[in-house]
Amino acid sequence: MSRELRRIFLSNQEVADALSAFRRMDARFLPPGKICEVQAGPENLTIMIEMKYVDNLRVLDFKIPYARLTDILVNYCVERGIPVPRLGKKGCLLVENEIVLEIAVSNEPAHAGVMHAVGGR
């Protein structure tokens, strides 16, 4: 049985873009404001959001678990034409301070028995 392991490395800016795109689809995901910083930690992603009202400026930080980030990055990749296999197991992890979308695909046939050619000459 063959297997494939694909890793898509994303820059902090790409992760911020993915979060902003997801926020447009689900306004409850994050409060309004500019994502001004993305910090990858060992257990989760910390993002800083700059919130401004008249002359008041606040920067709030939000922690997003990597498990939650997975679907967001899959959507981002699909929207940009980066191939993401539907049947693969997907997850996010931190590799050398970079956010990585990891996809594992197994080529196990639907019918594990002997396969026979049909027709033909």
C-alpha atoms as a PDB file:
ATOM      1  CA  MET A   1       0.000   0.000   0.000  1.00  0.00           C
ATOM      2  CA  SER A   2       1.489   3.321  -1.042  1.00  0.00           C
ATOM      3  CA  ARG A   3       1.165   6.459   1.039  1.00  0.00           C
ATOM      4  CA  GLU A   4       1.786  10.114   0.426  1.00  0.00           C
ATOM      5  CA  LEU A   5       2.625  12.787   2.969  1.00  0.00           C
ATOM      6  CA  ARG A   6       2.273  16.341   1.711  1.00  0.00           C
ATOM      7  CA  ARG A   7       3.333  19.421   3.660  1.00  0.00           C
ATOM      8  CA  ILE A   8       2.353  22.937   2.691  1.00  0.00           C
ATOM      9  CA  PHE A   9       4.443  25.565   4.471  1.00  0.00           C
ATOM     10  CA  LEU A  10       2.685  28.900   4.950  1.00  0.00           C
ATOM     11  CA  SER A  11       4.212  32.254   5.826  1.00  0.00           C
ATOM     12  CA  ASN A  12       2.800  34.331   8.670  1.00  0.00           C
ATOM     13  CA  GLN A  13       1.304  36.696   6.087  1.00  0.00           C
ATOM     14  CA  GLU A  14      -0.454  33.792   4.332  1.00  0.00           C
ATOM     15  CA  VAL A  15      -1.827  32.589   7.662  1.00  0.00           C
ATOM     16  CA  ALA A  16      -3.073  36.125   8.419  1.00  0.00           C
ATOM     17  CA  ASP A  17      -4.694  36.249   4.956  1.00  0.00           C
ATOM     18  CA  ALA A  18      -6.344  32.867   5.583  1.00  0.00           C
ATOM     19  CA  LEU A  19      -7.719  34.064   8.927  1.00  0.00           C
ATOM     20  CA  SER A  20      -9.035  37.287   7.364  1.00  0.00           C
ATOM     21  CA  ALA A  21     -10.724  35.344   4.558  1.00  0.00           C
ATOM     22  CA  PHE A  22     -12.330  32.971   7.059  1.00  0.00           C
ATOM     23  CA  ARG A  23     -13.483  35.893   9.197  1.00  0.00           C
ATOM     24  CA  ARG A  24     -15.364  37.249   6.157  1.00  0.00           C
ATOM     25  CA  MET A  25     -17.237  33.910   5.951  1.00  0.00           C
ATOM     26  CA  ASP A  26     -17.877  33.715   9.721  1.00  0.00           C
ATOM     27  CA  ALA A  27     -17.986  37.160  11.346  1.00  0.00           C
ATOM     28  CA  ARG A  28     -18.234  35.584  14.817  1.00  0.00           C
ATOM     29  CA  PHE A  29     -14.835  33.923  14.464  1.00  0.00           C
ATOM     30  CA  LEU A  30     -12.797  37.002  15.424  1.00  0.00           C
ATOM     31  CA  PRO A  31     -13.656  40.586  16.340  1.00  0.00           C
ATOM     32  CA  PRO A  32     -13.272  43.286  13.694  1.00  0.00           C
ATOM     33  CA  GLY A  33      -9.875  44.867  13.360  1.00  0.00           C
ATOM     34  CA  LYS A  34      -6.604  44.497  11.533  1.00  0.00           C
ATOM     35  CA  ILE A  35      -4.556  41.363  12.132  1.00  0.00           C
ATOM     36  CA  CYS A  36      -1.220  42.970  12.853  1.00  0.00           C
ATOM     37  CA  GLU A  37       0.853  39.990  14.019  1.00  0.00           C
ATOM     38  CA  VAL A  38       0.872  36.204  13.894  1.00  0.00           C
ATOM     39  CA  GLN A  39       2.962  34.213  16.378  1.00  0.00           C
ATOM     40  CA  ALA A  40       3.330  30.456  16.093  1.00  0.00           C
ATOM     41  CA  GLY A  41       3.660  28.725  19.450  1.00  0.00           C
ATOM     42  CA  PRO A  42       4.116  25.072  20.349  1.00  0.00           C
ATOM     43  CA  GLU A  43       0.435  24.464  21.172  1.00  0.00           C
ATOM     44  CA  ASN A  44      -1.480  27.182  19.345  1.00  0.00           C
ATOM     45  CA  LEU A  45      -1.334  30.213  17.125  1.00  0.00           C
ATOM     46  CA  THR A  46      -1.489  33.648  18.740  1.00  0.00           C
ATOM     47  CA  ILE A  47      -2.774  36.515  16.641  1.00  0.00           C
ATOM     48  CA  MET A  48      -2.776  40.180  17.534  1.00  0.00           C
ATOM     49  CA  ILE A  49      -5.734  42.250  16.363  1.00  0.00           C
ATOM     50  CA  GLU A  50      -5.516  46.022  16.279  1.00  0.00           C
ATOM     51  CA  MET A  51      -8.866  47.558  17.214  1.00  0.00           C
ATOM     52  CA  LYS A  52      -9.353  51.280  16.712  1.00  0.00           C
ATOM     53  CA  TYR A  53     -12.242  53.496  17.713  1.00  0.00           C
ATOM     54  CA  VAL A  54     -11.882  57.239  17.139  1.00  0.00           C
ATOM     55  CA  ASP A  55      -8.596  58.035  18.961  1.00  0.00           C
ATOM     56  CA  ASN A  56      -8.468  54.855  21.030  1.00  0.00           C
ATOM     57  CA  LEU A  57      -6.245  52.018  19.856  1.00  0.00           C
ATOM     58  CA  ARG A  58      -6.066  48.607  21.502  1.00  0.00           C
ATOM     59  CA  VAL A  59      -4.218  45.487  20.491  1.00  0.00           C
ATOM     60  CA  LEU A  60      -5.791  42.264  21.709  1.00  0.00           C
ATOM     61  CA  ASP A  61      -4.340  38.796  21.398  1.00  0.00           C
ATOM     62  CA  PHE A  62      -6.309  35.655  20.571  1.00  0.00           C
ATOM     63  CA  LYS A  63      -5.142  32.068  20.726  1.00  0.00           C
ATOM     64  CA  ILE A  64      -6.275  29.634  18.036  1.00  0.00           C
ATOM     65  CA  PRO A  65      -5.583  25.909  18.498  1.00  0.00           C
ATOM     66  CA  TYR A  66      -3.904  24.238  15.534  1.00  0.00           C
ATOM     67  CA  ALA A  67      -6.846  21.806  15.285  1.00  0.00           C
ATOM     68  CA  ARG A  68      -9.143  24.791  14.583  1.00  0.00           C
ATOM     69  CA  LEU A  69      -6.661  26.287  12.124  1.00  0.00           C
ATOM     70  CA  THR A  70      -6.650  23.186   9.892  1.00  0.00           C
ATOM     71  CA  ASP A  71     -10.003  23.821   8.160  1.00  0.00           C
ATOM     72  CA  ILE A  72      -9.155  27.493   7.744  1.00  0.00           C
ATOM     73  CA  LEU A  73      -5.896  26.675   5.946  1.00  0.00           C
ATOM     74  CA  VAL A  74      -7.543  23.995   3.799  1.00  0.00           C
ATOM     75  CA  ASN A  75     -10.109  26.573   2.616  1.00  0.00           C
ATOM     76  CA  TYR A  76      -7.318  29.068   1.945  1.00  0.00           C
ATOM     77  CA  CYS A  77      -5.355  26.572  -0.164  1.00  0.00           C
ATOM     78  CA  VAL A  78      -8.422  25.494  -2.155  1.00  0.00           C
ATOM     79  CA  GLU A  79      -9.336  29.135  -2.887  1.00  0.00           C
ATOM     80  CA  ARG A  80      -5.842  29.717  -4.266  1.00  0.00           C
ATOM     81  CA  GLY A  81      -5.751  26.601  -6.418  1.00  0.00           C
ATOM     82  CA  ILE A  82      -3.294  24.688  -4.238  1.00  0.00           C
ATOM     83  CA  PRO A  83      -4.249  20.994  -4.562  1.00  0.00           C
ATOM     84  CA  VAL A  84      -5.578  19.472  -1.339  1.00  0.00           C
ATOM     85  CA  PRO A  85      -6.760  15.843  -1.556  1.00  0.00           C
ATOM     86  CA  ARG A  86     -10.287  15.447  -0.196  1.00  0.00           C
ATOM     87  CA  LEU A  87      -9.711  12.032   1.350  1.00  0.00           C
ATOM     88  CA  GLY A  88      -6.440  12.840   3.060  1.00  0.00           C
ATOM     89  CA  LYS A  89      -6.104  13.189   6.819  1.00  0.00           C
ATOM     90  CA  LYS A  90      -5.278  16.819   7.505  1.00  0.00           C
ATOM     91  CA  GLY A  91      -3.676  18.619  10.403  1.00  0.00           C
ATOM     92  CA  CYS A  92      -1.621  21.687  11.305  1.00  0.00           C
ATOM     93  CA  LEU A  93       1.671  21.694  13.087  1.00  0.00           C
ATOM     94  CA  LEU A  94       4.665  23.859  13.763  1.00  0.00           C
ATOM     95  CA  VAL A  95       7.892  22.949  11.955  1.00  0.00           C
ATOM     96  CA  GLU A  96      10.932  25.115  12.649  1.00  0.00           C
ATOM     97  CA  ASN A  97       8.718  28.102  13.559  1.00  0.00           C
ATOM     98  CA  GLU A  98       6.601  27.785  10.403  1.00  0.00           C
ATOM     99  CA  ILE A  99       2.937  26.844  10.183  1.00  0.00           C
ATOM    100  CA  VAL A 100       2.492  23.683   8.136  1.00  0.00           C
ATOM    101  CA  LEU A 101      -0.664  22.118   6.730  1.00  0.00           C
ATOM    102  CA  GLU A 102       0.057  18.393   6.604  1.00  0.00           C
ATOM    103  CA  ILE A 103      -1.976  15.977   4.475  1.00  0.00           C
ATOM    104  CA  ALA A 104      -1.559  12.196   4.625  1.00  0.00           C
ATOM    105  CA  VAL A 105      -3.071  10.149   1.806  1.00  0.00           C
ATOM    106  CA  SER A 106      -3.295   6.376   1.591  1.00  0.00           C
ATOM    107  CA  ASN A 107      -3.809   4.614  -1.762  1.00  0.00           C
ATOM    108  CA  GLU A 108      -5.574   1.615  -0.343  1.00  0.00           C
ATOM    109  CA  PRO A 109      -7.988   0.380  -3.048  1.00  0.00           C
ATOM    110  CA  ALA A 110     -11.697   0.338  -2.368  1.00  0.00           C
ATOM    111  CA  HIS A 111     -11.669  -3.409  -3.047  1.00  0.00           C
ATOM    112  CA  ALA A 112      -8.653  -5.028  -1.422  1.00  0.00           C
ATOM    113  CA  GLY A 113      -9.122  -8.338  -3.281  1.00  0.00           C
ATOM    114  CA  VAL A 114      -7.748  -9.355  -6.665  1.00  0.00           C
ATOM    115  CA  MET A 115      -8.553  -6.865  -9.397  1.00  0.00           C
ATOM    116  CA  HIS A 116      -9.373  -8.171 -12.905  1.00  0.00           C
ATOM    117  CA  ALA A 117      -9.256  -6.356 -16.214  1.00  0.00           C
ATOM    118  CA  VAL A 118     -12.635  -5.979 -17.848  1.00  0.00           C
ATOM    119  CA  GLY A 119     -12.994  -6.236 -21.637  1.00  0.00           C
ATOM    120  CA  GLY A 120     -10.338  -4.994 -23.999  1.00  0.00           C
ATOM    121  CA  ARG A 121      -8.041  -6.892 -26.357  1.00  0.00           C
END
